[in-house]
Every structure is written in structure tokens, then in C-alpha cells.
Amino acid sequence: MSPQVFHILLALSDGERHGYGVILEVARQTGDRVRLGTGTLYTAIGRLVDAGWIEESEARPDPDVDDERRRYYRLTAAGRSALRAESERLAEAVAVARRKRVLGRQATGSRRGGS
């Protein structure tokens, strides 16, 4: 799974979002280290829909505060399962990096002299 796909699924893990909302959430959750362009986002969304990992939602927020042209997306059970599997794979990779002293023992610890 590409980092972009992982972050899109992660952005949808706590609720439905429209495309621009996904872009903003990915930027927020990565401290702006991952920035999705619209072409990248919508290409990935098309593939994720085709794979059955996300689906377009019929629900819409209050029309007074939302643009009716927006499409909202949500994770499917298969998408949540894929996100969980990738999260576990990444956690195992981080554990190996810590054992090899590539990373400190704590997620926010320093590389040298961390506790």
C-alpha cells in the first residue's frame, strides 16, 4: 500500500469526508509532510472505490453549510481491514527499527540518549 493510500484511508477512519476534507486531514495528520494534489487524490479514490475499500456516501450535511456538488467517501469493512493490516505491518517495522537502534525506544524519543 502506498503512503498516500494509507493516509487517505486513515483520514477516512474516523468518519466520512469529501475530497478536499481528505486533503486537509492528510496534511493535518502528517504535519504537512504529506500533501496530496487533487489528481493524486482522485486517482487514488477511483482505485479505492474499485477495490471496495471505500465507497461514496449518500448522506450529506446540511445543504446550508455544504456544496451539493461535493462527493463524500467512507471506509468499507474491507478498507478498515486493509488499513488495520497495513498499520500492523508498519508497527512491526518500527519495532524492528527500534531493536536495531535506528529509532529511540519511545515514539517521541530522540535517536540518541532517549529513554
N, C-alpha and C. Protein backbone atom coordinates (compact mmCIF):
# COMPACT_ATOMS: atom_id res chain seq x y z
N MET A 1 0.85 -1.18 0.00
CA MET A 1 0.00 0.00 0.00
C MET A 1 0.90 1.24 0.00
N SER A 2 0.59 2.18 -0.85
CA SER A 2 1.40 3.39 -0.92
C SER A 2 1.13 4.27 0.31
N PRO A 3 2.08 5.12 0.66
CA PRO A 3 1.85 6.04 1.78
C PRO A 3 0.62 6.93 1.54
N GLN A 4 0.39 7.35 0.30
CA GLN A 4 -0.77 8.19 0.02
C GLN A 4 -2.06 7.45 0.30
N VAL A 5 -2.16 6.22 -0.15
CA VAL A 5 -3.37 5.42 0.09
C VAL A 5 -3.55 5.20 1.59
N PHE A 6 -2.47 4.87 2.29
CA PHE A 6 -2.55 4.67 3.73
C PHE A 6 -3.13 5.92 4.41
N HIS A 7 -2.62 7.08 4.04
CA HIS A 7 -3.10 8.31 4.68
C HIS A 7 -4.52 8.68 4.28
N ILE A 8 -4.93 8.35 3.08
CA ILE A 8 -6.33 8.57 2.68
C ILE A 8 -7.24 7.69 3.52
N LEU A 9 -6.90 6.41 3.65
CA LEU A 9 -7.72 5.51 4.47
C LEU A 9 -7.73 5.96 5.92
N LEU A 10 -6.59 6.38 6.43
CA LEU A 10 -6.50 6.87 7.80
C LEU A 10 -7.37 8.11 7.99
N ALA A 11 -7.39 8.99 7.00
CA ALA A 11 -8.22 10.20 7.07
C ALA A 11 -9.71 9.86 7.12
N LEU A 12 -10.08 8.76 6.50
CA LEU A 12 -11.49 8.34 6.49
C LEU A 12 -11.85 7.43 7.66
N SER A 13 -10.88 7.08 8.47
CA SER A 13 -11.13 6.11 9.54
C SER A 13 -12.03 6.62 10.64
N ASP A 14 -12.13 7.94 10.78
CA ASP A 14 -12.98 8.47 11.85
C ASP A 14 -14.23 9.15 11.32
N GLY A 15 -14.54 8.94 10.05
CA GLY A 15 -15.80 9.47 9.52
C GLY A 15 -15.70 9.83 8.06
N GLU A 16 -16.84 10.14 7.51
CA GLU A 16 -16.93 10.48 6.09
C GLU A 16 -16.31 11.85 5.85
N ARG A 17 -15.72 12.00 4.68
CA ARG A 17 -15.13 13.27 4.28
C ARG A 17 -15.29 13.44 2.77
N HIS A 18 -15.35 14.68 2.34
CA HIS A 18 -15.30 14.97 0.90
C HIS A 18 -13.83 15.07 0.50
N GLY A 19 -13.56 15.13 -0.78
CA GLY A 19 -12.19 15.10 -1.28
C GLY A 19 -11.28 16.14 -0.65
N TYR A 20 -11.73 17.40 -0.65
CA TYR A 20 -10.88 18.44 -0.09
C TYR A 20 -10.68 18.23 1.41
N GLY A 21 -11.70 17.70 2.08
CA GLY A 21 -11.58 17.37 3.50
C GLY A 21 -10.51 16.31 3.74
N VAL A 22 -10.40 15.35 2.81
CA VAL A 22 -9.36 14.32 2.91
C VAL A 22 -7.99 14.98 2.75
N ILE A 23 -7.85 15.87 1.78
CA ILE A 23 -6.57 16.57 1.57
C ILE A 23 -6.16 17.31 2.84
N LEU A 24 -7.10 18.03 3.45
CA LEU A 24 -6.80 18.79 4.66
C LEU A 24 -6.44 17.88 5.83
N GLU A 25 -7.17 16.76 5.98
CA GLU A 25 -6.91 15.84 7.09
C GLU A 25 -5.55 15.16 6.93
N VAL A 26 -5.19 14.77 5.71
CA VAL A 26 -3.89 14.14 5.49
C VAL A 26 -2.78 15.14 5.84
N ALA A 27 -2.92 16.38 5.42
CA ALA A 27 -1.93 17.40 5.75
C ALA A 27 -1.85 17.59 7.26
N ARG A 28 -2.99 17.63 7.93
CA ARG A 28 -3.03 17.82 9.38
C ARG A 28 -2.38 16.66 10.11
N GLN A 29 -2.75 15.43 9.73
CA GLN A 29 -2.27 14.25 10.46
C GLN A 29 -0.80 13.96 10.21
N THR A 30 -0.23 14.56 9.17
CA THR A 30 1.19 14.35 8.88
C THR A 30 2.03 15.60 9.14
N GLY A 31 1.46 16.61 9.74
CA GLY A 31 2.19 17.84 9.96
C GLY A 31 2.66 18.46 8.65
N ASP A 32 1.85 18.35 7.62
CA ASP A 32 2.14 18.87 6.28
C ASP A 32 3.29 18.14 5.57
N ARG A 33 3.70 16.99 6.09
CA ARG A 33 4.76 16.23 5.41
C ARG A 33 4.23 15.49 4.19
N VAL A 34 2.94 15.16 4.19
CA VAL A 34 2.31 14.54 3.02
C VAL A 34 1.24 15.50 2.53
N ARG A 35 1.41 15.92 1.31
CA ARG A 35 0.43 16.83 0.68
C ARG A 35 -0.09 16.16 -0.58
N LEU A 36 -1.37 15.97 -0.63
CA LEU A 36 -1.99 15.33 -1.78
C LEU A 36 -2.49 16.37 -2.76
N GLY A 37 -2.12 16.21 -4.01
CA GLY A 37 -2.72 17.03 -5.06
C GLY A 37 -4.06 16.43 -5.45
N THR A 38 -4.89 17.21 -6.11
CA THR A 38 -6.21 16.70 -6.47
C THR A 38 -6.12 15.53 -7.45
N GLY A 39 -5.17 15.59 -8.38
CA GLY A 39 -5.02 14.48 -9.33
C GLY A 39 -4.66 13.18 -8.62
N THR A 40 -3.70 13.26 -7.71
CA THR A 40 -3.29 12.09 -6.93
C THR A 40 -4.46 11.57 -6.11
N LEU A 41 -5.16 12.49 -5.44
CA LEU A 41 -6.28 12.09 -4.59
C LEU A 41 -7.36 11.38 -5.38
N TYR A 42 -7.83 11.98 -6.47
CA TYR A 42 -8.96 11.40 -7.18
C TYR A 42 -8.60 10.15 -7.96
N THR A 43 -7.34 10.04 -8.38
CA THR A 43 -6.89 8.77 -8.98
C THR A 43 -6.93 7.68 -7.91
N ALA A 44 -6.42 7.98 -6.73
CA ALA A 44 -6.43 7.00 -5.63
C ALA A 44 -7.85 6.67 -5.21
N ILE A 45 -8.71 7.67 -5.11
CA ILE A 45 -10.10 7.42 -4.73
C ILE A 45 -10.76 6.47 -5.73
N GLY A 46 -10.54 6.68 -7.01
CA GLY A 46 -11.12 5.79 -8.02
C GLY A 46 -10.66 4.36 -7.83
N ARG A 47 -9.37 4.19 -7.56
CA ARG A 47 -8.84 2.83 -7.34
C ARG A 47 -9.38 2.23 -6.05
N LEU A 48 -9.50 3.05 -5.00
CA LEU A 48 -10.01 2.55 -3.72
C LEU A 48 -11.48 2.15 -3.82
N VAL A 49 -12.25 2.91 -4.59
CA VAL A 49 -13.66 2.54 -4.82
C VAL A 49 -13.72 1.23 -5.60
N ASP A 50 -12.91 1.12 -6.66
CA ASP A 50 -12.88 -0.11 -7.47
C ASP A 50 -12.46 -1.32 -6.63
N ALA A 51 -11.54 -1.11 -5.68
CA ALA A 51 -11.07 -2.20 -4.82
C ALA A 51 -12.07 -2.55 -3.73
N GLY A 52 -13.07 -1.70 -3.53
CA GLY A 52 -14.05 -1.95 -2.48
C GLY A 52 -13.59 -1.50 -1.10
N TRP A 53 -12.55 -0.66 -1.04
CA TRP A 53 -12.03 -0.21 0.26
C TRP A 53 -12.72 1.04 0.76
N ILE A 54 -13.26 1.84 -0.17
CA ILE A 54 -14.08 2.99 0.22
C ILE A 54 -15.29 3.01 -0.70
N GLU A 55 -16.29 3.78 -0.29
CA GLU A 55 -17.49 3.93 -1.11
C GLU A 55 -17.99 5.35 -0.97
N GLU A 56 -18.71 5.77 -2.00
CA GLU A 56 -19.32 7.09 -1.92
C GLU A 56 -20.52 7.02 -0.98
N SER A 57 -20.66 8.04 -0.18
CA SER A 57 -21.75 8.09 0.79
C SER A 57 -22.94 8.84 0.20
N GLU A 58 -24.12 8.38 0.53
CA GLU A 58 -25.34 9.06 0.12
C GLU A 58 -25.67 10.22 1.07
N ALA A 59 -25.19 10.12 2.30
CA ALA A 59 -25.51 11.14 3.31
C ALA A 59 -24.84 12.46 2.95
N ARG A 60 -25.52 13.54 3.26
CA ARG A 60 -24.98 14.88 3.04
C ARG A 60 -25.24 15.72 4.28
N PRO A 61 -24.28 16.60 4.60
CA PRO A 61 -24.53 17.51 5.71
C PRO A 61 -25.61 18.53 5.33
N ASP A 62 -25.91 19.39 6.21
CA ASP A 62 -26.90 20.44 6.00
C ASP A 62 -26.55 21.21 4.71
N PRO A 63 -27.49 21.28 3.75
CA PRO A 63 -27.21 21.96 2.49
C PRO A 63 -26.86 23.45 2.65
N ASP A 64 -27.25 24.04 3.77
CA ASP A 64 -26.94 25.46 4.00
C ASP A 64 -25.45 25.66 4.28
N VAL A 65 -24.74 24.61 4.69
CA VAL A 65 -23.32 24.75 5.01
C VAL A 65 -22.44 23.90 4.10
N ASP A 66 -23.03 23.28 3.08
CA ASP A 66 -22.25 22.40 2.21
C ASP A 66 -22.60 22.64 0.76
N ASP A 67 -21.65 22.39 -0.10
CA ASP A 67 -21.84 22.48 -1.54
C ASP A 67 -22.38 21.15 -2.03
N GLU A 68 -23.52 21.16 -2.68
CA GLU A 68 -24.15 19.90 -3.12
C GLU A 68 -23.35 19.15 -4.16
N ARG A 69 -22.35 19.77 -4.77
CA ARG A 69 -21.52 19.09 -5.77
C ARG A 69 -20.47 18.19 -5.13
N ARG A 70 -20.22 18.37 -3.85
CA ARG A 70 -19.19 17.56 -3.19
C ARG A 70 -19.64 16.11 -3.08
N ARG A 71 -18.66 15.23 -3.24
CA ARG A 71 -18.89 13.79 -3.02
C ARG A 71 -18.22 13.42 -1.71
N TYR A 72 -18.92 12.67 -0.90
CA TYR A 72 -18.38 12.22 0.38
C TYR A 72 -18.05 10.75 0.29
N TYR A 73 -16.98 10.36 0.97
CA TYR A 73 -16.50 8.98 0.93
C TYR A 73 -16.37 8.45 2.35
N ARG A 74 -16.50 7.13 2.46
CA ARG A 74 -16.34 6.46 3.76
C ARG A 74 -15.64 5.13 3.54
N LEU A 75 -15.00 4.66 4.61
CA LEU A 75 -14.35 3.35 4.58
C LEU A 75 -15.40 2.25 4.54
N THR A 76 -15.09 1.18 3.87
CA THR A 76 -15.90 -0.03 3.95
C THR A 76 -15.23 -0.96 4.97
N ALA A 77 -15.88 -2.06 5.28
CA ALA A 77 -15.28 -3.05 6.19
C ALA A 77 -13.96 -3.56 5.60
N ALA A 78 -13.93 -3.78 4.29
CA ALA A 78 -12.69 -4.25 3.64
C ALA A 78 -11.60 -3.19 3.73
N GLY A 79 -11.95 -1.93 3.60
CA GLY A 79 -10.99 -0.85 3.72
C GLY A 79 -10.44 -0.73 5.13
N ARG A 80 -11.32 -0.89 6.11
CA ARG A 80 -10.88 -0.84 7.51
C ARG A 80 -9.93 -2.00 7.80
N SER A 81 -10.23 -3.17 7.25
CA SER A 81 -9.36 -4.34 7.43
C SER A 81 -8.00 -4.11 6.78
N ALA A 82 -7.98 -3.55 5.58
CA ALA A 82 -6.72 -3.26 4.89
C ALA A 82 -5.92 -2.22 5.67
N LEU A 83 -6.59 -1.20 6.20
CA LEU A 83 -5.92 -0.17 6.99
C LEU A 83 -5.32 -0.77 8.25
N ARG A 84 -6.06 -1.64 8.90
CA ARG A 84 -5.56 -2.30 10.12
C ARG A 84 -4.34 -3.16 9.81
N ALA A 85 -4.40 -3.93 8.73
CA ALA A 85 -3.27 -4.80 8.34
C ALA A 85 -2.03 -3.97 8.03
N GLU A 86 -2.20 -2.87 7.31
CA GLU A 86 -1.05 -2.02 6.99
C GLU A 86 -0.51 -1.33 8.24
N SER A 87 -1.38 -0.92 9.14
CA SER A 87 -0.95 -0.30 10.39
C SER A 87 -0.14 -1.29 11.22
N GLU A 88 -0.58 -2.54 11.26
CA GLU A 88 0.17 -3.58 11.99
C GLU A 88 1.53 -3.83 11.34
N ARG A 89 1.56 -3.85 10.01
CA ARG A 89 2.82 -4.04 9.29
C ARG A 89 3.79 -2.91 9.61
N LEU A 90 3.30 -1.69 9.60
CA LEU A 90 4.15 -0.53 9.90
C LEU A 90 4.62 -0.55 11.35
N ALA A 91 3.74 -0.94 12.27
CA ALA A 91 4.13 -1.04 13.68
C ALA A 91 5.23 -2.06 13.87
N GLU A 92 5.14 -3.19 13.16
CA GLU A 92 6.19 -4.21 13.24
C GLU A 92 7.50 -3.68 12.67
N ALA A 93 7.43 -2.92 11.59
CA ALA A 93 8.64 -2.34 11.00
C ALA A 93 9.29 -1.35 11.98
N VAL A 94 8.48 -0.56 12.66
CA VAL A 94 9.01 0.39 13.66
C VAL A 94 9.64 -0.38 14.82
N ALA A 95 9.02 -1.47 15.23
CA ALA A 95 9.59 -2.28 16.32
C ALA A 95 10.96 -2.82 15.92
N VAL A 96 11.10 -3.27 14.70
CA VAL A 96 12.40 -3.76 14.22
C VAL A 96 13.41 -2.61 14.20
N ALA A 97 13.00 -1.44 13.72
CA ALA A 97 13.90 -0.29 13.69
C ALA A 97 14.36 0.09 15.09
N ARG A 98 13.48 -0.04 16.06
CA ARG A 98 13.87 0.25 17.44
C ARG A 98 14.86 -0.79 17.97
N ARG A 99 14.59 -2.07 17.67
CA ARG A 99 15.51 -3.12 18.12
C ARG A 99 16.90 -2.94 17.50
N LYS A 100 16.93 -2.42 16.31
CA LYS A 100 18.20 -2.21 15.61
C LYS A 100 18.79 -0.83 15.95
N ARG A 101 18.15 -0.16 16.86
CA ARG A 101 18.60 1.17 17.33
C ARG A 101 18.62 2.23 16.24
N VAL A 102 17.76 2.06 15.27
CA VAL A 102 17.57 3.09 14.25
C VAL A 102 16.71 4.20 14.83
N LEU A 103 15.76 3.82 15.68
CA LEU A 103 14.87 4.75 16.37
C LEU A 103 15.06 4.59 17.87
N GLY A 104 14.71 5.66 18.60
CA GLY A 104 14.71 5.56 20.06
C GLY A 104 13.61 4.64 20.54
N ARG A 105 13.59 4.35 21.81
CA ARG A 105 12.59 3.44 22.39
C ARG A 105 11.19 4.02 22.42
N GLN A 106 11.06 5.33 22.54
CA GLN A 106 9.74 5.96 22.60
C GLN A 106 9.43 6.59 21.26
N ALA A 107 8.14 6.63 20.94
CA ALA A 107 7.72 7.20 19.66
C ALA A 107 8.17 8.64 19.52
N THR A 108 8.22 9.39 20.61
CA THR A 108 8.64 10.79 20.54
C THR A 108 10.05 10.98 21.06
N GLY A 109 10.73 9.88 21.38
CA GLY A 109 12.08 9.97 21.93
C GLY A 109 13.10 10.35 20.88
N SER A 110 14.26 10.77 21.34
CA SER A 110 15.31 11.15 20.41
C SER A 110 16.04 9.91 19.93
N ARG A 111 16.86 10.06 18.92
CA ARG A 111 17.62 8.95 18.38
C ARG A 111 18.78 8.57 19.26
N ARG A 112 19.30 9.52 20.01
CA ARG A 112 20.45 9.24 20.91
C ARG A 112 20.07 9.68 22.30
N GLY A 113 20.38 8.84 23.24
CA GLY A 113 20.19 9.20 24.65
C GLY A 113 18.75 9.26 25.06
N GLY A 114 17.81 8.80 24.22
CA GLY A 114 16.40 8.79 24.59
C GLY A 114 16.14 7.78 25.68
N SER A 115 15.05 7.94 26.39
CA SER A 115 14.76 7.00 27.48
C SER A 115 14.04 5.78 27.01
